[in-house]
Amino acid sequence: MSKFNDINRRDPLRSLQRKIGWFAIPNLMTIVIGGMAIVWIMDFVISAASGQSILGMLTFNRALIASGQVWRILTFLFVPPSTGILFAIIALYFYWLIGSSLEREWGSFGFTLFYLLGAVGAIISGLITGYATNSYLNMSLFLAFALLNPDYTVLVFFLIPVKMKWLALIDGIGLLLSFITESWSGKLGLVFALINLLIFFAPQLVERIKQLWRRWKWKQNFK
């Protein structure tokens, strides 16, 4: 059992739920993935018929939002992964799997809060820098799932069993390298889009570090 599984019993989260429990959106990840699937199918059909992609009409663009295309503030959240059909299906299913698992873990209110914190962070960074993407937000779902289920095993390339904690470590290193190499706008977008992870998991990480420190001191005293 993960050391982070007590997150849904934290007093702040339960207190918020008592005050604004109506805020919860049941099956939120199903709604998000359903929206992505619809956008992907529409883009595929329109591209095949006319050679034009509709994704450019949905991405976040501060200048175009200011000119009246206000739908872009939200529609970028439904832009699907830009991959082939097979990998798009796999990616959407995987996002749905981890999002639904997080909702079962935290409840509809906890998952809604987690997702919307990341979405609002991405929107704020986009309004500051001019551009936003849902990639870091989707990555935050993966990292949250890995923290809660570090020993969950997935088959990479349908053949190689790998535990989530190792995949999360690789992605964490990738995010760190991205933060180092990105422009200031990219750094800001990464930090803001992952603010949900910091809010939800920082207290548990700090407590875990304290536990390890106390255990180490106890062993030193015992010796």
Protein backbone atom coordinates (compact mmCIF):
# COMPACT_ATOMS: atom_id res chain seq x y z
CA MET A 1 0.00 0.00 0.00
CA SER A 2 1.37 3.39 -0.98
CA LYS A 3 2.50 5.76 1.73
CA PHE A 4 0.50 8.46 -0.08
CA ASN A 5 -2.86 6.69 0.13
CA ASP A 6 -3.93 8.77 3.11
CA ILE A 7 -4.24 11.88 0.92
CA ASN A 8 -8.01 11.47 0.67
CA ARG A 9 -8.25 11.61 4.44
CA ARG A 10 -6.46 14.95 4.81
CA ASP A 11 -8.46 17.43 6.85
CA PRO A 12 -8.12 20.35 4.37
CA LEU A 13 -9.58 18.28 1.55
CA ARG A 14 -12.44 16.97 3.68
CA SER A 15 -13.13 20.46 4.97
CA LEU A 16 -13.30 21.83 1.42
CA GLN A 17 -15.59 19.01 0.39
CA ARG A 18 -18.02 19.88 3.19
CA LYS A 19 -18.09 23.50 2.02
CA ILE A 20 -18.14 23.13 -1.78
CA GLY A 21 -18.92 19.47 -2.36
CA TRP A 22 -21.34 20.52 -5.14
CA PHE A 23 -18.22 21.45 -7.10
CA ALA A 24 -17.50 17.77 -7.88
CA ILE A 25 -17.92 16.54 -11.46
CA PRO A 26 -18.57 12.77 -11.48
CA ASN A 27 -16.77 10.80 -14.22
CA LEU A 28 -14.75 13.90 -15.14
CA MET A 29 -12.04 11.90 -16.91
CA THR A 30 -14.62 10.10 -19.02
CA ILE A 31 -15.92 13.51 -20.11
CA VAL A 32 -12.40 14.79 -20.91
CA ILE A 33 -11.36 11.65 -22.82
CA GLY A 34 -14.71 11.56 -24.61
CA GLY A 35 -14.11 15.14 -25.72
CA MET A 36 -10.60 14.27 -26.92
CA ALA A 37 -11.93 11.27 -28.85
CA ILE A 38 -14.62 13.37 -30.54
CA VAL A 39 -12.06 16.02 -31.50
CA TRP A 40 -9.67 13.36 -32.85
CA ILE A 41 -12.40 11.70 -34.94
CA MET A 42 -13.65 15.04 -36.29
CA ASP A 43 -10.11 16.13 -37.15
CA PHE A 44 -9.41 12.79 -38.86
CA VAL A 45 -12.58 12.97 -40.97
CA ILE A 46 -12.18 16.65 -41.90
CA SER A 47 -8.47 16.22 -42.68
CA ALA A 48 -9.22 13.24 -44.91
CA ALA A 49 -11.97 15.14 -46.73
CA SER A 50 -10.40 18.57 -47.08
CA GLY A 51 -6.80 18.31 -46.00
CA GLN A 52 -7.44 20.87 -43.25
CA SER A 53 -6.99 20.27 -39.52
CA ILE A 54 -9.36 21.71 -36.93
CA LEU A 55 -6.85 21.46 -34.10
CA GLY A 56 -5.49 24.91 -34.89
CA MET A 57 -8.93 26.31 -34.00
CA LEU A 58 -8.83 24.75 -30.53
CA THR A 59 -5.31 25.39 -29.25
CA PHE A 60 -4.57 28.08 -26.67
CA ASN A 61 -3.50 31.39 -28.21
CA ARG A 62 -3.61 34.54 -26.09
CA ALA A 63 -3.72 36.95 -29.00
CA LEU A 64 -6.63 35.14 -30.65
CA ILE A 65 -8.46 34.86 -27.32
CA ALA A 66 -8.13 38.62 -26.90
CA SER A 67 -9.52 39.09 -30.41
CA GLY A 68 -12.71 37.22 -29.46
CA GLN A 69 -11.96 33.50 -29.81
CA VAL A 70 -12.65 32.94 -26.12
CA TRP A 71 -13.42 29.25 -26.54
CA ARG A 72 -9.68 28.60 -26.77
CA ILE A 73 -9.40 29.17 -22.99
CA LEU A 74 -10.98 25.73 -22.51
CA THR A 75 -10.84 23.85 -25.81
CA PHE A 76 -7.08 23.27 -25.62
CA LEU A 77 -7.82 20.83 -22.80
CA PHE A 78 -9.55 18.57 -25.34
CA VAL A 79 -6.78 18.57 -27.96
CA PRO A 80 -5.76 14.88 -28.32
CA PRO A 81 -2.20 13.56 -28.57
CA SER A 82 -0.74 14.22 -32.02
CA THR A 83 0.08 10.61 -32.85
CA GLY A 84 -1.09 7.87 -35.20
CA ILE A 85 -4.41 6.16 -34.67
CA LEU A 86 -3.04 3.19 -32.71
CA PHE A 87 -0.99 5.25 -30.27
CA ALA A 88 -3.79 7.82 -29.96
CA ILE A 89 -6.18 5.05 -28.87
CA ILE A 90 -3.61 3.68 -26.42
CA ALA A 91 -2.87 7.15 -25.00
CA LEU A 92 -6.54 8.04 -24.55
CA TYR A 93 -7.27 4.70 -22.89
CA PHE A 94 -4.29 5.10 -20.58
CA TYR A 95 -5.34 8.64 -19.60
CA TRP A 96 -8.86 7.37 -18.91
CA LEU A 97 -7.50 4.46 -16.83
CA ILE A 98 -5.32 6.57 -14.57
CA GLY A 99 -7.87 9.40 -14.31
CA SER A 100 -10.66 6.99 -13.35
CA SER A 101 -8.36 5.29 -10.83
CA LEU A 102 -7.55 8.65 -9.24
CA GLU A 103 -11.26 9.46 -9.00
CA ARG A 104 -11.88 6.14 -7.23
CA GLU A 105 -8.98 6.93 -4.89
CA TRP A 106 -9.93 10.50 -4.02
CA GLY A 107 -13.62 10.59 -4.87
CA SER A 108 -15.22 12.83 -7.49
CA PHE A 109 -14.56 16.01 -5.49
CA GLY A 110 -10.87 15.29 -4.89
CA PHE A 111 -10.19 14.38 -8.51
CA THR A 112 -12.19 17.34 -9.84
CA LEU A 113 -10.17 19.65 -7.60
CA PHE A 114 -6.87 18.07 -8.70
CA TYR A 115 -7.68 18.28 -12.41
CA LEU A 116 -9.09 21.80 -12.32
CA LEU A 117 -6.13 23.09 -10.30
CA GLY A 118 -3.86 21.84 -13.08
CA ALA A 119 -6.15 23.25 -15.77
CA VAL A 120 -6.36 26.66 -14.09
CA GLY A 121 -2.57 26.64 -13.67
CA ALA A 122 -2.13 25.95 -17.39
CA ILE A 123 -4.61 28.71 -18.28
CA ILE A 124 -2.89 31.25 -16.03
CA SER A 125 0.52 30.43 -17.48
CA GLY A 126 -0.97 30.73 -20.97
CA LEU A 127 -2.43 34.15 -20.23
CA ILE A 128 0.98 35.26 -18.97
CA THR A 129 3.16 33.73 -21.68
CA GLY A 130 0.73 33.57 -24.60
CA TYR A 131 0.70 29.79 -25.02
CA ALA A 132 -0.54 26.77 -23.07
CA THR A 133 -0.74 23.03 -23.62
CA ASN A 134 -2.51 20.15 -21.89
CA SER A 135 0.59 17.93 -22.06
CA TYR A 136 1.91 18.84 -18.60
CA LEU A 137 -1.58 18.52 -17.12
CA ASN A 138 -1.89 15.01 -18.53
CA MET A 139 1.58 14.25 -17.20
CA SER A 140 0.47 15.35 -13.72
CA LEU A 141 -2.24 12.64 -13.81
CA PHE A 142 0.38 10.04 -14.64
CA LEU A 143 2.73 11.18 -11.88
CA ALA A 144 -0.10 11.29 -9.32
CA PHE A 145 -1.12 7.76 -10.25
CA ALA A 146 2.49 6.61 -9.95
CA LEU A 147 2.82 8.17 -6.49
CA LEU A 148 -0.32 6.42 -5.32
CA ASN A 149 0.40 3.13 -7.09
CA PRO A 150 4.19 2.84 -7.42
CA ASP A 151 4.16 -0.93 -7.90
CA TYR A 152 1.42 -1.00 -10.54
CA THR A 153 2.83 -2.77 -13.60
CA VAL A 154 2.23 -1.78 -17.22
CA LEU A 155 3.39 -3.54 -20.38
CA VAL A 156 5.61 -1.21 -22.38
CA PHE A 157 5.24 -1.99 -26.09
CA PHE A 158 2.78 -4.69 -24.93
CA LEU A 159 5.76 -6.87 -23.96
CA ILE A 160 7.96 -5.40 -21.25
CA PRO A 161 6.52 -5.25 -17.69
CA VAL A 162 7.62 -2.07 -15.94
CA LYS A 163 6.45 -0.69 -12.61
CA MET A 164 4.95 2.77 -12.55
CA LYS A 165 7.56 4.11 -10.15
CA TRP A 166 10.33 3.54 -12.72
CA LEU A 167 8.32 5.13 -15.52
CA ALA A 168 7.57 8.07 -13.23
CA LEU A 169 11.27 8.41 -12.41
CA ILE A 170 12.12 8.56 -16.11
CA ASP A 171 9.39 11.11 -16.75
CA GLY A 172 10.49 13.11 -13.71
CA ILE A 173 14.03 13.30 -15.08
CA GLY A 174 12.60 14.32 -18.45
CA LEU A 175 10.56 17.09 -16.84
CA LEU A 176 13.62 18.32 -14.96
CA LEU A 177 15.65 18.44 -18.18
CA SER A 178 12.75 20.23 -19.90
CA PHE A 179 12.65 22.78 -17.11
CA ILE A 180 16.39 23.40 -17.50
CA THR A 181 16.33 23.72 -21.28
CA GLU A 182 12.97 25.46 -21.78
CA SER A 183 12.53 29.20 -22.21
CA TRP A 184 11.12 31.15 -19.28
CA SER A 185 7.62 30.75 -20.70
CA GLY A 186 8.10 26.99 -20.93
CA LYS A 187 9.39 26.88 -17.36
CA LEU A 188 6.39 28.88 -16.16
CA GLY A 189 3.98 26.65 -18.05
CA LEU A 190 5.51 23.52 -16.57
CA VAL A 191 5.42 24.81 -13.00
CA PHE A 192 1.87 26.15 -13.22
CA ALA A 193 0.49 23.03 -14.89
CA LEU A 194 2.03 20.83 -12.17
CA ILE A 195 0.85 23.03 -9.30
CA ASN A 196 -1.80 20.42 -8.53
CA LEU A 197 0.90 17.87 -7.75
CA LEU A 198 2.64 20.28 -5.41
CA ILE A 199 -0.57 21.13 -3.56
CA PHE A 200 -1.73 17.53 -3.20
CA PHE A 201 1.54 15.72 -2.56
CA ALA A 202 4.02 18.17 -1.02
CA PRO A 203 2.74 17.60 2.56
CA GLN A 204 3.04 13.83 2.15
CA LEU A 205 6.51 14.10 0.63
CA VAL A 206 7.69 16.30 3.49
CA GLU A 207 6.21 13.91 6.05
CA ARG A 208 7.82 10.93 4.31
CA ILE A 209 11.22 12.64 4.39
CA LYS A 210 10.75 13.36 8.10
CA GLN A 211 9.88 9.72 8.74
CA LEU A 212 12.99 8.53 6.91
CA TRP A 213 15.10 11.03 8.86
CA ARG A 214 13.68 9.90 12.20
CA ARG A 215 14.23 6.25 11.25
CA TRP A 216 17.82 6.97 10.28
CA LYS A 217 18.46 8.80 13.57
CA TRP A 218 16.89 5.94 15.53
CA LYS A 219 19.17 3.45 13.81
CA GLN A 220 22.19 5.61 14.54
CA ASN A 221 21.23 5.86 18.22
CA PHE A 222 20.61 2.13 18.38
CA LYS A 223 24.05 1.42 16.97
